[in-house]
C-alpha atoms as a PDB file:
ATOM      1  CA  MET A   1      48.543  21.380  28.546  1.00  0.00           C
ATOM      2  CA  ALA A   2      48.471  19.653  31.934  1.00  0.00           C
ATOM      3  CA  MET A   3      45.112  18.364  33.096  1.00  0.00           C
ATOM      4  CA  THR A   4      43.615  19.840  36.250  1.00  0.00           C
ATOM      5  CA  GLN A   5      43.249  17.646  39.314  1.00  0.00           C
ATOM      6  CA  THR A   6      39.469  17.753  38.905  1.00  0.00           C
ATOM      7  CA  GLU A   7      39.746  16.606  35.303  1.00  0.00           C
ATOM      8  CA  LEU A   8      42.028  13.766  36.356  1.00  0.00           C
ATOM      9  CA  LEU A   9      39.594  12.707  39.073  1.00  0.00           C
ATOM     10  CA  HIS A  10      36.793  12.467  36.522  1.00  0.00           C
ATOM     11  CA  GLU A  11      38.935  10.690  33.931  1.00  0.00           C
ATOM     12  CA  LEU A  12      40.089   8.136  36.512  1.00  0.00           C
ATOM     13  CA  GLU A  13      36.569   7.375  37.766  1.00  0.00           C
ATOM     14  CA  PRO A  14      36.058   4.374  35.408  1.00  0.00           C
ATOM     15  CA  VAL A  15      39.444   3.010  36.470  1.00  0.00           C
ATOM     16  CA  VAL A  16      38.433   3.385  40.124  1.00  0.00           C
ATOM     17  CA  ALA A  17      35.227   1.473  39.424  1.00  0.00           C
ATOM     18  CA  GLY A  18      37.148  -1.347  37.753  1.00  0.00           C
ATOM     19  CA  GLU A  19      39.765  -1.513  40.483  1.00  0.00           C
ATOM     20  CA  LEU A  20      37.054  -1.488  43.149  1.00  0.00           C
ATOM     21  CA  GLU A  21      35.351  -4.463  41.486  1.00  0.00           C
ATOM     22  CA  ARG A  22      38.672  -6.310  41.307  1.00  0.00           C
ATOM     23  CA  HIS A  23      39.394  -5.489  44.951  1.00  0.00           C
ATOM     24  CA  GLU A  24      36.035  -6.764  46.161  1.00  0.00           C
ATOM     25  CA  LYS A  25      36.594 -10.062  44.336  1.00  0.00           C
ATOM     26  CA  MET A  26      40.086 -10.523  45.777  1.00  0.00           C
ATOM     27  CA  ALA A  27      39.497  -9.337  49.342  1.00  0.00           C
ATOM     28  CA  LYS A  28      38.779 -12.084  51.849  1.00  0.00           C
ATOM     29  CA  GLU A  29      36.385 -11.554  54.721  1.00  0.00           C
ATOM     30  CA  TRP A  30      38.047 -12.023  58.096  1.00  0.00           C
ATOM     31  CA  PHE A  31      37.188 -11.387  61.716  1.00  0.00           C
ATOM     32  CA  PRO A  32      39.589  -9.774  64.200  1.00  0.00           C
ATOM     33  CA  HIS A  33      38.230 -11.721  67.187  1.00  0.00           C
ATOM     34  CA  GLU A  34      39.310 -15.016  65.615  1.00  0.00           C
ATOM     35  CA  TYR A  35      42.969 -13.934  65.760  1.00  0.00           C
ATOM     36  CA  ILE A  36      42.970 -13.150  69.489  1.00  0.00           C
ATOM     37  CA  PRO A  37      43.935 -15.817  72.110  1.00  0.00           C
ATOM     38  CA  TRP A  38      41.232 -14.732  74.545  1.00  0.00           C
ATOM     39  CA  SER A  39      41.961 -17.620  76.923  1.00  0.00           C
ATOM     40  CA  GLU A  40      45.339 -16.041  77.710  1.00  0.00           C
ATOM     41  CA  GLY A  41      43.720 -12.891  79.049  1.00  0.00           C
ATOM     42  CA  ARG A  42      43.517 -11.948  82.704  1.00  0.00           C
ATOM     43  CA  ASP A  43      42.491  -8.880  84.677  1.00  0.00           C
ATOM     44  CA  PHE A  44      44.770  -5.884  85.008  1.00  0.00           C
ATOM     45  CA  ASP A  45      44.950  -3.807  88.174  1.00  0.00           C
ATOM     46  CA  GLY A  46      42.264  -1.189  88.657  1.00  0.00           C
ATOM     47  CA  ILE A  47      38.523  -1.801  88.640  1.00  0.00           C
ATOM     48  CA  TYR A  48      38.806  -5.597  88.620  1.00  0.00           C
ATOM     49  CA  GLY A  49      41.722  -5.815  91.033  1.00  0.00           C
ATOM     50  CA  GLY A  50      44.006  -7.814  88.776  1.00  0.00           C
ATOM     51  CA  GLU A  51      47.758  -7.600  88.276  1.00  0.00           C
ATOM     52  CA  ALA A  52      49.529  -4.560  86.857  1.00  0.00           C
ATOM     53  CA  TRP A  53      51.556  -5.079  83.691  1.00  0.00           C
ATOM     54  CA  GLN A  54      55.245  -5.770  84.140  1.00  0.00           C
ATOM     55  CA  GLU A  55      58.086  -6.240  81.684  1.00  0.00           C
ATOM     56  CA  SER A  56      58.296  -9.969  82.312  1.00  0.00           C
ATOM     57  CA  ASP A  57      54.710 -10.416  81.060  1.00  0.00           C
ATOM     58  CA  SER A  58      55.787  -9.869  77.450  1.00  0.00           C
ATOM     59  CA  LYS A  59      57.096 -12.747  75.359  1.00  0.00           C
ATOM     60  CA  ILE A  60      58.038 -10.419  72.486  1.00  0.00           C
ATOM     61  CA  PRO A  61      61.562  -8.976  71.986  1.00  0.00           C
ATOM     62  CA  GLU A  62      62.014  -5.235  72.506  1.00  0.00           C
ATOM     63  CA  ALA A  63      62.546  -4.263  68.853  1.00  0.00           C
ATOM     64  CA  ALA A  64      59.403  -6.115  67.767  1.00  0.00           C
ATOM     65  CA  ARG A  65      57.467  -4.512  70.632  1.00  0.00           C
ATOM     66  CA  VAL A  66      58.609  -1.056  69.536  1.00  0.00           C
ATOM     67  CA  SER A  67      57.568  -1.835  65.961  1.00  0.00           C
ATOM     68  CA  LEU A  68      54.186  -3.153  67.086  1.00  0.00           C
ATOM     69  CA  ILE A  69      53.544   0.043  69.012  1.00  0.00           C
ATOM     70  CA  VAL A  70      54.577   2.221  66.065  1.00  0.00           C
ATOM     71  CA  ASN A  71      52.390   0.196  63.706  1.00  0.00           C
ATOM     72  CA  LEU A  72      49.393   0.346  66.018  1.00  0.00           C
ATOM     73  CA  LEU A  73      49.701   4.060  66.759  1.00  0.00           C
ATOM     74  CA  THR A  74      49.960   4.657  63.024  1.00  0.00           C
ATOM     75  CA  GLU A  75      46.730   2.726  62.490  1.00  0.00           C
ATOM     76  CA  ASP A  76      45.095   4.757  65.269  1.00  0.00           C
ATOM     77  CA  ASN A  77      45.218   7.950  63.216  1.00  0.00           C
ATOM     78  CA  LEU A  78      42.631   6.502  60.807  1.00  0.00           C
ATOM     79  CA  PRO A  79      40.135   9.372  61.356  1.00  0.00           C
ATOM     80  CA  SER A  80      42.724  11.813  60.014  1.00  0.00           C
ATOM     81  CA  TYR A  81      43.555   9.564  57.061  1.00  0.00           C
ATOM     82  CA  HIS A  82      39.872   9.203  56.206  1.00  0.00           C
ATOM     83  CA  HIS A  83      39.470  12.965  56.279  1.00  0.00           C
ATOM     84  CA  GLU A  84      42.436  13.427  53.949  1.00  0.00           C
ATOM     85  CA  ILE A  85      41.360  10.952  51.278  1.00  0.00           C
ATOM     86  CA  ALA A  86      37.666  11.866  51.506  1.00  0.00           C
ATOM     87  CA  THR A  87      38.609  15.513  50.997  1.00  0.00           C
ATOM     88  CA  THR A  88      40.920  14.700  48.089  1.00  0.00           C
ATOM     89  CA  PHE A  89      39.020  11.937  46.294  1.00  0.00           C
ATOM     90  CA  GLY A  90      35.467  12.903  47.265  1.00  0.00           C
ATOM     91  CA  ARG A  91      32.571  10.934  48.741  1.00  0.00           C
ATOM     92  CA  ASP A  92      30.574  10.356  45.562  1.00  0.00           C
ATOM     93  CA  GLY A  93      30.584   7.631  42.931  1.00  0.00           C
ATOM     94  CA  ALA A  94      33.255   4.953  42.780  1.00  0.00           C
ATOM     95  CA  TRP A  95      35.787   7.207  44.501  1.00  0.00           C
ATOM     96  CA  GLY A  96      33.488   7.616  47.505  1.00  0.00           C
ATOM     97  CA  THR A  97      32.693   3.900  47.646  1.00  0.00           C
ATOM     98  CA  TRP A  98      36.413   3.144  47.743  1.00  0.00           C
ATOM     99  CA  VAL A  99      37.116   5.751  50.437  1.00  0.00           C
ATOM    100  CA  HIS A 100      34.583   4.134  52.765  1.00  0.00           C
ATOM    101  CA  ARG A 101      35.577   0.572  51.905  1.00  0.00           C
ATOM    102  CA  TRP A 102      39.247   1.341  52.550  1.00  0.00           C
ATOM    103  CA  THR A 103      38.414   2.992  55.863  1.00  0.00           C
ATOM    104  CA  ALA A 104      36.330   0.030  57.010  1.00  0.00           C
ATOM    105  CA  GLU A 105      39.097  -2.427  56.178  1.00  0.00           C
ATOM    106  CA  GLU A 106      41.769  -0.326  57.870  1.00  0.00           C
ATOM    107  CA  ASP A 107      39.662   0.097  61.008  1.00  0.00           C
ATOM    108  CA  ARG A 108      39.864  -3.593  61.911  1.00  0.00           C
ATOM    109  CA  HIS A 109      43.670  -3.495  61.876  1.00  0.00           C
ATOM    110  CA  GLY A 110      43.856  -1.263  64.925  1.00  0.00           C
ATOM    111  CA  THR A 111      41.098  -3.229  66.659  1.00  0.00           C
ATOM    112  CA  ALA A 112      42.845  -6.547  66.156  1.00  0.00           C
ATOM    113  CA  LEU A 113      46.311  -5.292  67.062  1.00  0.00           C
ATOM    114  CA  ARG A 114      45.191  -3.610  70.278  1.00  0.00           C
ATOM    115  CA  ASP A 115      43.173  -6.632  71.387  1.00  0.00           C
ATOM    116  CA  TYR A 116      46.114  -8.956  70.708  1.00  0.00           C
ATOM    117  CA  LEU A 117      48.670  -6.813  72.523  1.00  0.00           C
ATOM    118  CA  THR A 118      46.371  -6.297  75.513  1.00  0.00           C
ATOM    119  CA  VAL A 119      45.218  -9.893  75.904  1.00  0.00           C
ATOM    120  CA  THR A 120      48.724 -11.326  75.578  1.00  0.00           C
ATOM    121  CA  ARG A 121      50.246  -8.562  77.746  1.00  0.00           C
ATOM    122  CA  ALA A 122      52.808  -7.927  75.039  1.00  0.00           C
ATOM    123  CA  VAL A 123      53.094  -4.209  75.859  1.00  0.00           C
ATOM    124  CA  ASP A 124      52.328  -1.861  78.740  1.00  0.00           C
ATOM    125  CA  PRO A 125      48.646  -0.954  78.219  1.00  0.00           C
ATOM    126  CA  VAL A 126      48.877   2.260  80.261  1.00  0.00           C
ATOM    127  CA  ALA A 127      51.832   3.575  78.276  1.00  0.00           C
ATOM    128  CA  LEU A 128      50.128   2.466  75.052  1.00  0.00           C
ATOM    129  CA  GLU A 129      46.933   4.366  75.847  1.00  0.00           C
ATOM    130  CA  ARG A 130      48.815   7.509  76.799  1.00  0.00           C
ATOM    131  CA  ALA A 131      50.792   7.288  73.562  1.00  0.00           C
ATOM    132  CA  ARG A 132      47.548   6.828  71.595  1.00  0.00           C
ATOM    133  CA  MET A 133      46.056   9.954  73.117  1.00  0.00           C
ATOM    134  CA  ARG A 134      49.121  12.060  72.374  1.00  0.00           C
ATOM    135  CA  HIS A 135      49.433  10.754  68.828  1.00  0.00           C
ATOM    136  CA  MET A 136      45.774  11.213  67.914  1.00  0.00           C
ATOM    137  CA  GLU A 137      45.707  14.682  69.450  1.00  0.00           C
ATOM    138  CA  HIS A 138      48.543  15.546  67.079  1.00  0.00           C
ATOM    139  CA  GLY A 139      46.590  14.063  64.146  1.00  0.00           C
ATOM    140  CA  PHE A 140      47.830  13.708  60.600  1.00  0.00           C
ATOM    141  CA  ALA A 141      47.751  16.120  57.687  1.00  0.00           C
ATOM    142  CA  THR A 142      49.272  15.347  54.324  1.00  0.00           C
ATOM    143  CA  GLU A 143      52.039  17.590  53.052  1.00  0.00           C
ATOM    144  CA  TYR A 144      50.990  16.864  49.467  1.00  0.00           C
ATOM    145  CA  GLY A 145      48.631  19.307  47.845  1.00  0.00           C
ATOM    146  CA  THR A 146      47.500  17.442  44.732  1.00  0.00           C
ATOM    147  CA  MET A 147      45.511  14.316  44.067  1.00  0.00           C
ATOM    148  CA  LEU A 148      48.352  12.819  42.011  1.00  0.00           C
ATOM    149  CA  GLN A 149      50.865  13.364  44.800  1.00  0.00           C
ATOM    150  CA  GLN A 150      48.541  11.717  47.290  1.00  0.00           C
ATOM    151  CA  LEU A 151      47.987   8.754  44.964  1.00  0.00           C
ATOM    152  CA  ALA A 152      51.742   8.349  44.625  1.00  0.00           C
ATOM    153  CA  TYR A 153      52.218   8.609  48.382  1.00  0.00           C
ATOM    154  CA  VAL A 154      49.671   5.945  49.309  1.00  0.00           C
ATOM    155  CA  SER A 155      51.006   3.611  46.605  1.00  0.00           C
ATOM    156  CA  PHE A 156      54.369   3.554  48.389  1.00  0.00           C
ATOM    157  CA  GLN A 157      53.014   3.869  51.914  1.00  0.00           C
ATOM    158  CA  GLU A 158      50.647   0.892  51.694  1.00  0.00           C
ATOM    159  CA  LEU A 159      53.486  -1.326  50.488  1.00  0.00           C
ATOM    160  CA  ALA A 160      55.802   0.008  53.193  1.00  0.00           C
ATOM    161  CA  THR A 161      53.150  -0.779  55.803  1.00  0.00           C
ATOM    162  CA  ARG A 162      52.703  -4.299  54.441  1.00  0.00           C
ATOM    163  CA  ILE A 163      56.415  -4.987  54.709  1.00  0.00           C
ATOM    164  CA  SER A 164      56.649  -3.452  58.170  1.00  0.00           C
ATOM    165  CA  HIS A 165      53.781  -5.623  59.445  1.00  0.00           C
ATOM    166  CA  ARG A 166      55.182  -8.831  57.951  1.00  0.00           C
ATOM    167  CA  ASN A 167      58.694  -8.243  59.244  1.00  0.00           C
ATOM    168  CA  THR A 168      57.408  -7.236  62.670  1.00  0.00           C
ATOM    169  CA  GLY A 169      55.459 -10.472  62.869  1.00  0.00           C
ATOM    170  CA  ARG A 170      58.552 -12.503  62.027  1.00  0.00           C
ATOM    171  CA  ALA A 171      60.672 -10.570  64.534  1.00  0.00           C
ATOM    172  CA  SER A 172      58.119 -11.146  67.309  1.00  0.00           C
ATOM    173  CA  GLY A 173      58.943 -14.842  67.569  1.00  0.00           C
ATOM    174  CA  ASP A 174      55.266 -15.306  68.432  1.00  0.00           C
ATOM    175  CA  GLU A 175      53.181 -17.528  66.170  1.00  0.00           C
ATOM    176  CA  GLY A 176      49.900 -15.797  66.914  1.00  0.00           C
ATOM    177  CA  CYS A 177      51.347 -12.332  66.410  1.00  0.00           C
ATOM    178  CA  GLU A 178      52.927 -13.343  63.117  1.00  0.00           C
ATOM    179  CA  ARG A 179      49.656 -14.882  61.918  1.00  0.00           C
ATOM    180  CA  LEU A 180      47.699 -11.710  62.731  1.00  0.00           C
ATOM    181  CA  LEU A 181      50.212  -9.389  61.109  1.00  0.00           C
ATOM    182  CA  ALA A 182      50.358 -11.556  57.987  1.00  0.00           C
ATOM    183  CA  ARG A 183      46.573 -11.204  57.734  1.00  0.00           C
ATOM    184  CA  ILE A 184      46.751  -7.431  58.126  1.00  0.00           C
ATOM    185  CA  ALA A 185      49.600  -7.251  55.612  1.00  0.00           C
ATOM    186  CA  ALA A 186      47.420  -9.028  53.045  1.00  0.00           C
ATOM    187  CA  ASP A 187      44.892  -6.182  53.315  1.00  0.00           C
ATOM    188  CA  GLU A 188      47.639  -3.600  52.909  1.00  0.00           C
ATOM    189  CA  ASN A 189      48.894  -5.333  49.781  1.00  0.00           C
ATOM    190  CA  LEU A 190      45.481  -5.150  48.133  1.00  0.00           C
ATOM    191  CA  HIS A 191      45.277  -1.465  49.032  1.00  0.00           C
ATOM    192  CA  MET A 192      48.678  -0.906  47.438  1.00  0.00           C
ATOM    193  CA  LEU A 193      47.569  -2.627  44.241  1.00  0.00           C
ATOM    194  CA  PHE A 194      44.501  -0.404  44.044  1.00  0.00           C
ATOM    195  CA  TYR A 195      46.448   2.832  44.336  1.00  0.00           C
ATOM    196  CA  ARG A 196      49.381   1.633  42.230  1.00  0.00           C
ATOM    197  CA  ASN A 197      47.079   0.719  39.351  1.00  0.00           C
ATOM    198  CA  LEU A 198      45.324   4.082  39.549  1.00  0.00           C
ATOM    199  CA  LEU A 199      48.582   5.966  39.265  1.00  0.00           C
ATOM    200  CA  LYS A 200      49.619   3.755  36.373  1.00  0.00           C
ATOM    201  CA  ALA A 201      46.472   4.922  34.596  1.00  0.00           C
ATOM    202  CA  ALA A 202      47.314   8.513  35.504  1.00  0.00           C
ATOM    203  CA  PHE A 203      50.639   8.112  33.706  1.00  0.00           C
ATOM    204  CA  GLU A 204      48.656   7.387  30.535  1.00  0.00           C
ATOM    205  CA  LEU A 205      46.522  10.488  30.995  1.00  0.00           C
ATOM    206  CA  ASP A 206      49.205  12.994  31.935  1.00  0.00           C
ATOM    207  CA  PRO A 207      52.710  11.463  32.039  1.00  0.00           C
ATOM    208  CA  ASN A 208      54.606  14.667  32.734  1.00  0.00           C
ATOM    209  CA  GLN A 209      52.507  15.825  35.658  1.00  0.00           C
ATOM    210  CA  THR A 210      52.427  12.293  37.061  1.00  0.00           C
ATOM    211  CA  MET A 211      56.219  11.957  36.799  1.00  0.00           C
ATOM    212  CA  ARG A 212      56.645  15.205  38.694  1.00  0.00           C
ATOM    213  CA  SER A 213      54.262  13.997  41.403  1.00  0.00           C
ATOM    214  CA  VAL A 214      56.111  10.700  41.800  1.00  0.00           C
ATOM    215  CA  THR A 215      59.453  12.487  42.092  1.00  0.00           C
ATOM    216  CA  ASP A 216      58.053  14.943  44.638  1.00  0.00           C
ATOM    217  CA  VAL A 217      56.807  12.080  46.792  1.00  0.00           C
ATOM    218  CA  VAL A 218      59.808   9.749  46.524  1.00  0.00           C
ATOM    219  CA  THR A 219      62.251  12.510  47.417  1.00  0.00           C
ATOM    220  CA  THR A 220      60.269  13.644  50.496  1.00  0.00           C
ATOM    221  CA  PHE A 221      58.631  10.393  51.635  1.00  0.00           C
ATOM    222  CA  GLN A 222      57.984   9.891  55.331  1.00  0.00           C
ATOM    223  CA  MET A 223      55.846   7.267  57.035  1.00  0.00           C
ATOM    224  CA  PRO A 224      52.585   8.594  58.541  1.00  0.00           C
ATOM    225  CA  GLY A 225      53.822   7.774  62.059  1.00  0.00           C
ATOM    226  CA  THR A 226      56.670  10.276  61.792  1.00  0.00           C
ATOM    227  CA  GLY A 227      54.894  12.743  64.072  1.00  0.00           C
ATOM    228  CA  MET A 228      54.530  10.374  67.023  1.00  0.00           C
ATOM    229  CA  GLU A 229      56.489  11.028  70.184  1.00  0.00           C
ATOM    230  CA  GLY A 230      59.998   9.559  70.110  1.00  0.00           C
ATOM    231  CA  PHE A 231      59.620   8.386  66.523  1.00  0.00           C
ATOM    232  CA  ALA A 232      63.255   8.925  65.537  1.00  0.00           C
ATOM    233  CA  ARG A 233      64.507   6.645  68.310  1.00  0.00           C
ATOM    234  CA  LYS A 234      61.820   4.056  67.606  1.00  0.00           C
ATOM    235  CA  ALA A 235      62.624   4.095  63.886  1.00  0.00           C
ATOM    236  CA  MET A 236      66.312   3.551  64.643  1.00  0.00           C
ATOM    237  CA  ILE A 237      65.563   0.533  66.848  1.00  0.00           C
ATOM    238  CA  ILE A 238      63.355  -0.897  64.094  1.00  0.00           C
ATOM    239  CA  ALA A 239      66.023  -0.246  61.458  1.00  0.00           C
ATOM    240  CA  HIS A 240      68.841  -1.779  63.497  1.00  0.00           C
ATOM    241  CA  GLU A 241      66.769  -4.931  63.899  1.00  0.00           C
ATOM    242  CA  GLY A 242      66.220  -5.049  60.122  1.00  0.00           C
ATOM    243  CA  ILE A 243      62.438  -4.822  60.434  1.00  0.00           C
ATOM    244  CA  TYR A 244      62.263  -1.723  58.254  1.00  0.00           C
ATOM    245  CA  ASP A 245      65.249   0.301  57.079  1.00  0.00           C
ATOM    246  CA  LEU A 246      66.394   2.387  54.143  1.00  0.00           C
ATOM    247  CA  ARG A 247      67.661  -0.674  52.257  1.00  0.00           C
ATOM    248  CA  LEU A 248      64.230  -2.295  52.479  1.00  0.00           C
ATOM    249  CA  HIS A 249      62.539   0.987  51.621  1.00  0.00           C
ATOM    250  CA  LEU A 250      64.562   1.311  48.434  1.00  0.00           C
ATOM    251  CA  ASP A 251      64.698  -2.337  47.315  1.00  0.00           C
ATOM    252  CA  ASP A 252      61.285  -3.600  48.430  1.00  0.00           C
ATOM    253  CA  VAL A 253      59.092  -0.483  48.259  1.00  0.00           C
ATOM    254  CA  LEU A 254      60.340   2.207  45.899  1.00  0.00           C
ATOM    255  CA  MET A 255      61.926   0.153  43.140  1.00  0.00           C
ATOM    256  CA  PRO A 256      59.183  -2.497  42.678  1.00  0.00           C
ATOM    257  CA  VAL A 257      56.500   0.184  42.345  1.00  0.00           C
ATOM    258  CA  LEU A 258      58.609   2.350  40.054  1.00  0.00           C
ATOM    259  CA  ARG A 259      59.284  -0.683  37.859  1.00  0.00           C
ATOM    260  CA  GLN A 260      55.575  -1.427  37.663  1.00  0.00           C
ATOM    261  CA  TRP A 261      55.008   2.107  36.423  1.00  0.00           C
ATOM    262  CA  ALA A 262      57.963   1.747  34.020  1.00  0.00           C
ATOM    263  CA  VAL A 263      59.071   5.254  34.943  1.00  0.00           C
ATOM    264  CA  PHE A 264      62.492   4.869  33.335  1.00  0.00           C
ATOM    265  CA  ASP A 265      61.039   3.513  30.093  1.00  0.00           C
ATOM    266  CA  LYS A 266      58.543   6.304  29.458  1.00  0.00           C
ATOM    267  CA  THR A 267      58.878   8.024  26.099  1.00  0.00           C
ATOM    268  CA  GLY A 268      57.502  11.304  24.895  1.00  0.00           C
ATOM    269  CA  LEU A 269      58.048  13.285  28.098  1.00  0.00           C
ATOM    270  CA  ASP A 270      58.417  17.050  27.788  1.00  0.00           C
ATOM    271  CA  ALA A 271      61.314  18.998  29.326  1.00  0.00           C
ATOM    272  CA  GLU A 272      59.682  19.169  32.761  1.00  0.00           C
ATOM    273  CA  GLY A 273      58.865  15.471  32.730  1.00  0.00           C
ATOM    274  CA  GLU A 274      62.445  14.583  31.814  1.00  0.00           C
ATOM    275  CA  ARG A 275      63.753  16.922  34.505  1.00  0.00           C
ATOM    276  CA  ALA A 276      61.560  15.218  37.094  1.00  0.00           C
ATOM    277  CA  ARG A 277      62.789  11.787  35.997  1.00  0.00           C
ATOM    278  CA  GLU A 278      66.418  12.905  36.198  1.00  0.00           C
ATOM    279  CA  GLU A 279      65.837  14.209  39.727  1.00  0.00           C
ATOM    280  CA  LEU A 280      64.272  10.883  40.646  1.00  0.00           C
ATOM    281  CA  SER A 281      67.167   8.893  39.224  1.00  0.00           C
ATOM    282  CA  ALA A 282      69.762  11.005  41.036  1.00  0.00           C
ATOM    283  CA  PHE A 283      67.873  10.663  44.321  1.00  0.00           C
ATOM    284  CA  LEU A 284      67.683   6.891  43.980  1.00  0.00           C
ATOM    285  CA  GLU A 285      71.428   6.700  43.374  1.00  0.00           C
ATOM    286  CA  ARG A 286      72.148   8.746  46.505  1.00  0.00           C
ATOM    287  CA  THR A 287      69.713   6.663  48.527  1.00  0.00           C
ATOM    288  CA  ASP A 288      71.336   3.460  47.362  1.00  0.00           C
ATOM    289  CA  ALA A 289      74.729   4.687  48.577  1.00  0.00           C
ATOM    290  CA  THR A 290      73.290   5.781  51.934  1.00  0.00           C
ATOM    291  CA  ALA A 291      71.496   2.481  52.389  1.00  0.00           C
ATOM    292  CA  ALA A 292      74.665   0.529  51.617  1.00  0.00           C
ATOM    293  CA  ARG A 293      76.605   2.487  54.246  1.00  0.00           C
ATOM    294  CA  PHE A 294      73.886   1.887  56.843  1.00  0.00           C
ATOM    295  CA  VAL A 295      73.849  -1.867  56.240  1.00  0.00           C
ATOM    296  CA  GLU A 296      77.645  -2.031  56.352  1.00  0.00           C
ATOM    297  CA  ARG A 297      77.782  -0.202  59.682  1.00  0.00           C
ATOM    298  CA  ARG A 298      74.988  -2.332  61.100  1.00  0.00           C
ATOM    299  CA  GLU A 299      76.848  -5.494  60.215  1.00  0.00           C
ATOM    300  CA  GLU A 300      80.000  -4.114  61.829  1.00  0.00           C
ATOM    301  CA  ARG A 301      78.096  -3.361  65.047  1.00  0.00           C
ATOM    302  CA  ARG A 302      76.585  -6.818  65.056  1.00  0.00           C
ATOM    303  CA  ALA A 303      80.010  -8.383  64.539  1.00  0.00           C
ATOM    304  CA  ARG A 304      81.460  -6.394  67.443  1.00  0.00           C
ATOM    305  CA  ALA A 305      78.536  -7.350  69.668  1.00  0.00           C
ATOM    306  CA  ALA A 306      78.946 -11.029  68.773  1.00  0.00           C
ATOM    307  CA  ALA A 307      82.683 -10.879  69.536  1.00  0.00           C
ATOM    308  CA  ARG A 308      81.982  -9.522  73.027  1.00  0.00           C
ATOM    309  CA  ARG A 309      79.731 -12.447  73.904  1.00  0.00           C
END
């Protein structure tokens, strides 16, 4: 008989406590203000009568700028994310301690990113603020109704965010930006390890239900910024630049985590568990073919563009 979500929460509590202790030992204290080149800052127009932002102020290429904005707006929805995990995991015991610790660590990402982009004039601050308001007014609500599904989702999402930050930093061509995003990515990696290890333990408790949850998430996965205005166009720009695309999503996010969970080596699954694994395998095969076509077409476009120069 499948365990209830409440039973799983209680059974996983000791694992949460152990993972929290490991996390606290591995996490390094850092301070957002130390990553900001404050001496580069100058007044904008308005109250202090400075200069309005203009395109030439930014030293960062367009695709990296788009990715930075997407990443920052995603971080901005932290109040909604906190609500979701606090509601799902609870606010008591080790689960509650983790929920608040995670929220505190995530909060500095948005602070640091916004300060960096504003001080260096990397993006239009007026457009950025308007986008923040629209995105936060929309909020975020998970489409996954169970604790196991949410654990699976954040395991993949934290790794996806880490990769997006690191690749955005490299694409920026800006040493300070890359340094900041590498620091943020290190936090995201620790968060991924926490959630990934919890779901690995869940596989031991209820492998069939956990397999179904993983399949449900992998086959419907979307980044939390999907709801922001103009996301489809922004995502395409980011993908064409190679910052984050389906090939990376499959090879660097889905497959490494699935291998860690040894999903294709599990024995003793019942009929539903095997059915879920078969669905997962078929989806991964289709995704691999789609990703290969995208990369091939991107290379063809790049070749044509190079020939025109």
